């Protein structure tokens, strides 16, 4: 999958639909997908035709499973570095600076970084049955800034 395909952006009638597109990985964010998402927030901000953005997902039952832990383990093993060193914005701060409102349209479940994406949105909306959580409080993860 190319970088552009990991997170999609479509603008129609003033609405930017930003879609995490990694259903085979439960929409977990690889370093490529996280960097693409960072860049797309800049595009949304710069596009004068966009009035609102909707952050959504490729349908797989998971809004976002957070960081791609398989990639994180591989990068640590092969390169000896933490995966966050490969990300422009590992804690999604750019999303908080988008001047236009962001609606997180969630279905299924979300955890860790997926929860951070929802919290960084102006209006998180979950369909009935959506479940969210942060595991860091139990397993001493990275947390948030």
Protein backbone atom coordinates (compact mmCIF):
# COMPACT_ATOMS: atom_id res chain seq x y z
CA UNK A 1 0.00 0.00 0.00
CA UNK A 2 1.40 3.41 -0.95
CA UNK A 3 1.79 6.23 1.56
CA UNK A 4 -1.17 8.10 0.06
CA UNK A 5 -3.37 5.02 0.46
CA UNK A 6 -2.75 4.59 4.21
CA UNK A 7 -4.82 7.68 5.01
CA UNK A 8 -7.20 9.01 2.36
CA UNK A 9 -8.56 12.51 1.92
CA UNK A 10 -11.55 13.47 -0.18
CA UNK A 11 -13.10 16.94 -0.31
CA UNK A 12 -16.70 17.35 -1.40
CA UNK A 13 -19.06 20.29 -0.78
CA UNK A 14 -16.73 21.86 1.80
CA UNK A 15 -16.30 18.64 3.78
CA UNK A 16 -12.91 16.94 3.97
CA UNK A 17 -13.26 13.24 4.74
CA UNK A 18 -10.00 11.97 6.20
CA UNK A 19 -10.05 8.18 6.36
CA UNK A 20 -7.59 5.89 8.11
CA UNK A 21 -7.25 3.08 5.58
CA UNK A 22 -5.44 0.13 7.14
CA UNK A 23 -8.27 -2.35 7.77
CA UNK A 24 -5.91 -5.33 7.59
CA UNK A 25 -4.12 -3.85 10.64
CA UNK A 26 -7.29 -2.73 12.50
CA UNK A 27 -6.47 0.82 11.32
CA UNK A 28 -3.37 0.91 13.54
CA UNK A 29 -1.09 3.81 12.69
CA UNK A 30 2.21 2.91 11.09
CA UNK A 31 4.86 5.62 10.92
CA UNK A 32 3.87 6.18 7.28
CA UNK A 33 0.17 6.50 8.15
CA UNK A 34 0.89 8.83 11.09
CA UNK A 35 3.05 11.06 8.89
CA UNK A 36 0.40 11.06 6.16
CA UNK A 37 -2.23 12.06 8.71
CA UNK A 38 0.01 14.90 9.92
CA UNK A 39 0.44 16.16 6.34
CA UNK A 40 -3.29 15.90 5.62
CA UNK A 41 -4.13 18.17 8.55
CA UNK A 42 -1.94 20.80 6.88
CA UNK A 43 -3.82 20.29 3.60
CA UNK A 44 -7.18 20.62 5.36
CA UNK A 45 -6.01 23.85 7.01
CA UNK A 46 -4.72 25.30 3.73
CA UNK A 47 -7.77 24.42 1.60
CA UNK A 48 -10.07 27.46 1.62
CA UNK A 49 -12.93 25.32 0.30
CA UNK A 50 -12.92 23.08 3.38
CA UNK A 51 -15.30 24.14 6.17
CA UNK A 52 -15.17 20.99 8.29
CA UNK A 53 -13.24 17.71 8.42
CA UNK A 54 -14.56 14.28 9.30
CA UNK A 55 -12.02 11.78 10.60
CA UNK A 56 -13.25 8.28 9.89
CA UNK A 57 -12.03 4.79 9.10
CA UNK A 58 -11.90 1.96 6.64
CA UNK A 59 -14.62 -0.32 7.95
CA UNK A 60 -13.10 -3.20 9.91
CA UNK A 61 -14.78 -2.81 13.28
CA UNK A 62 -11.99 -0.66 14.69
CA UNK A 63 -11.74 3.12 14.46
CA UNK A 64 -8.03 2.99 15.30
CA UNK A 65 -6.08 0.45 17.32
CA UNK A 66 -3.40 3.05 18.09
CA UNK A 67 0.23 2.60 17.21
CA UNK A 68 1.18 -0.28 14.93
CA UNK A 69 2.97 -2.32 17.58
CA UNK A 70 4.27 -4.88 15.07
CA UNK A 71 6.05 -2.13 13.19
CA UNK A 72 7.31 -0.61 16.46
CA UNK A 73 8.83 -3.95 17.47
CA UNK A 74 10.37 -4.48 14.03
CA UNK A 75 11.90 -0.98 13.96
CA UNK A 76 13.34 -1.43 17.45
CA UNK A 77 14.78 -4.84 16.55
CA UNK A 78 16.15 -3.95 13.11
CA UNK A 79 17.18 -0.33 13.61
CA UNK A 80 17.56 -0.02 17.37
CA UNK A 81 15.37 3.09 17.56
CA UNK A 82 11.97 3.92 18.95
CA UNK A 83 9.33 4.18 16.22
CA UNK A 84 8.33 7.67 17.40
CA UNK A 85 11.64 8.94 15.98
CA UNK A 86 10.21 8.16 12.53
CA UNK A 87 7.02 10.18 13.12
CA UNK A 88 6.61 13.89 12.45
CA UNK A 89 4.00 14.20 15.19
CA UNK A 90 3.72 11.05 17.34
CA UNK A 91 1.15 12.54 19.74
CA UNK A 92 -1.06 14.13 17.04
CA UNK A 93 -0.58 17.73 18.18
CA UNK A 94 -1.00 19.02 14.59
CA UNK A 95 -4.60 17.83 14.67
CA UNK A 96 -5.27 20.14 17.63
CA UNK A 97 -4.07 23.14 15.62
CA UNK A 98 -6.40 22.67 12.63
CA UNK A 99 -8.47 25.86 12.38
CA UNK A 100 -11.53 24.06 11.02
CA UNK A 101 -13.68 21.81 13.19
CA UNK A 102 -12.86 18.10 13.13
CA UNK A 103 -15.54 15.49 13.75
CA UNK A 104 -14.32 12.01 14.70
CA UNK A 105 -16.92 9.60 13.28
CA UNK A 106 -16.23 6.40 15.21
CA UNK A 107 -17.58 2.87 15.02
CA UNK A 108 -16.37 -0.31 16.64
CA UNK A 109 -13.64 0.25 19.17
CA UNK A 110 -10.64 2.48 19.66
CA UNK A 111 -7.77 2.33 22.06
CA UNK A 112 -4.56 4.18 22.91
CA UNK A 113 -3.62 6.39 19.93
CA UNK A 114 -7.10 5.91 18.49
CA UNK A 115 -8.50 7.38 21.69
CA UNK A 116 -6.06 10.30 21.37
CA UNK A 117 -7.29 10.97 17.81
CA UNK A 118 -10.86 11.10 19.09
CA UNK A 119 -9.94 13.38 22.01
CA UNK A 120 -8.02 15.72 19.69
CA UNK A 121 -11.16 16.14 17.57
CA UNK A 122 -13.60 18.93 18.23
CA UNK A 123 -16.58 16.57 18.24
CA UNK A 124 -16.06 12.84 18.81
CA UNK A 125 -19.17 10.90 17.79
CA UNK A 126 -19.48 7.15 18.28
CA UNK A 127 -22.24 4.96 16.98
CA UNK A 128 -24.06 2.78 19.47
CA UNK A 129 -21.70 0.05 20.64
CA UNK A 130 -18.50 2.06 20.11
CA UNK A 131 -16.03 1.32 22.90
CA UNK A 132 -12.99 3.41 23.74
CA UNK A 133 -10.12 3.11 26.15
CA UNK A 134 -6.61 4.04 27.09
CA UNK A 135 -4.47 1.09 28.14
CA UNK A 136 -1.52 3.19 29.27
CA UNK A 137 -2.93 3.53 32.76
CA UNK A 138 -2.64 -0.24 33.19
CA UNK A 139 0.45 -1.10 31.20
CA UNK A 140 2.63 2.01 31.64
CA UNK A 141 2.56 3.08 27.99
CA UNK A 142 3.68 6.39 26.56
CA UNK A 143 0.68 8.43 27.64
CA UNK A 144 -0.05 11.80 26.14
CA UNK A 145 1.72 15.15 26.23
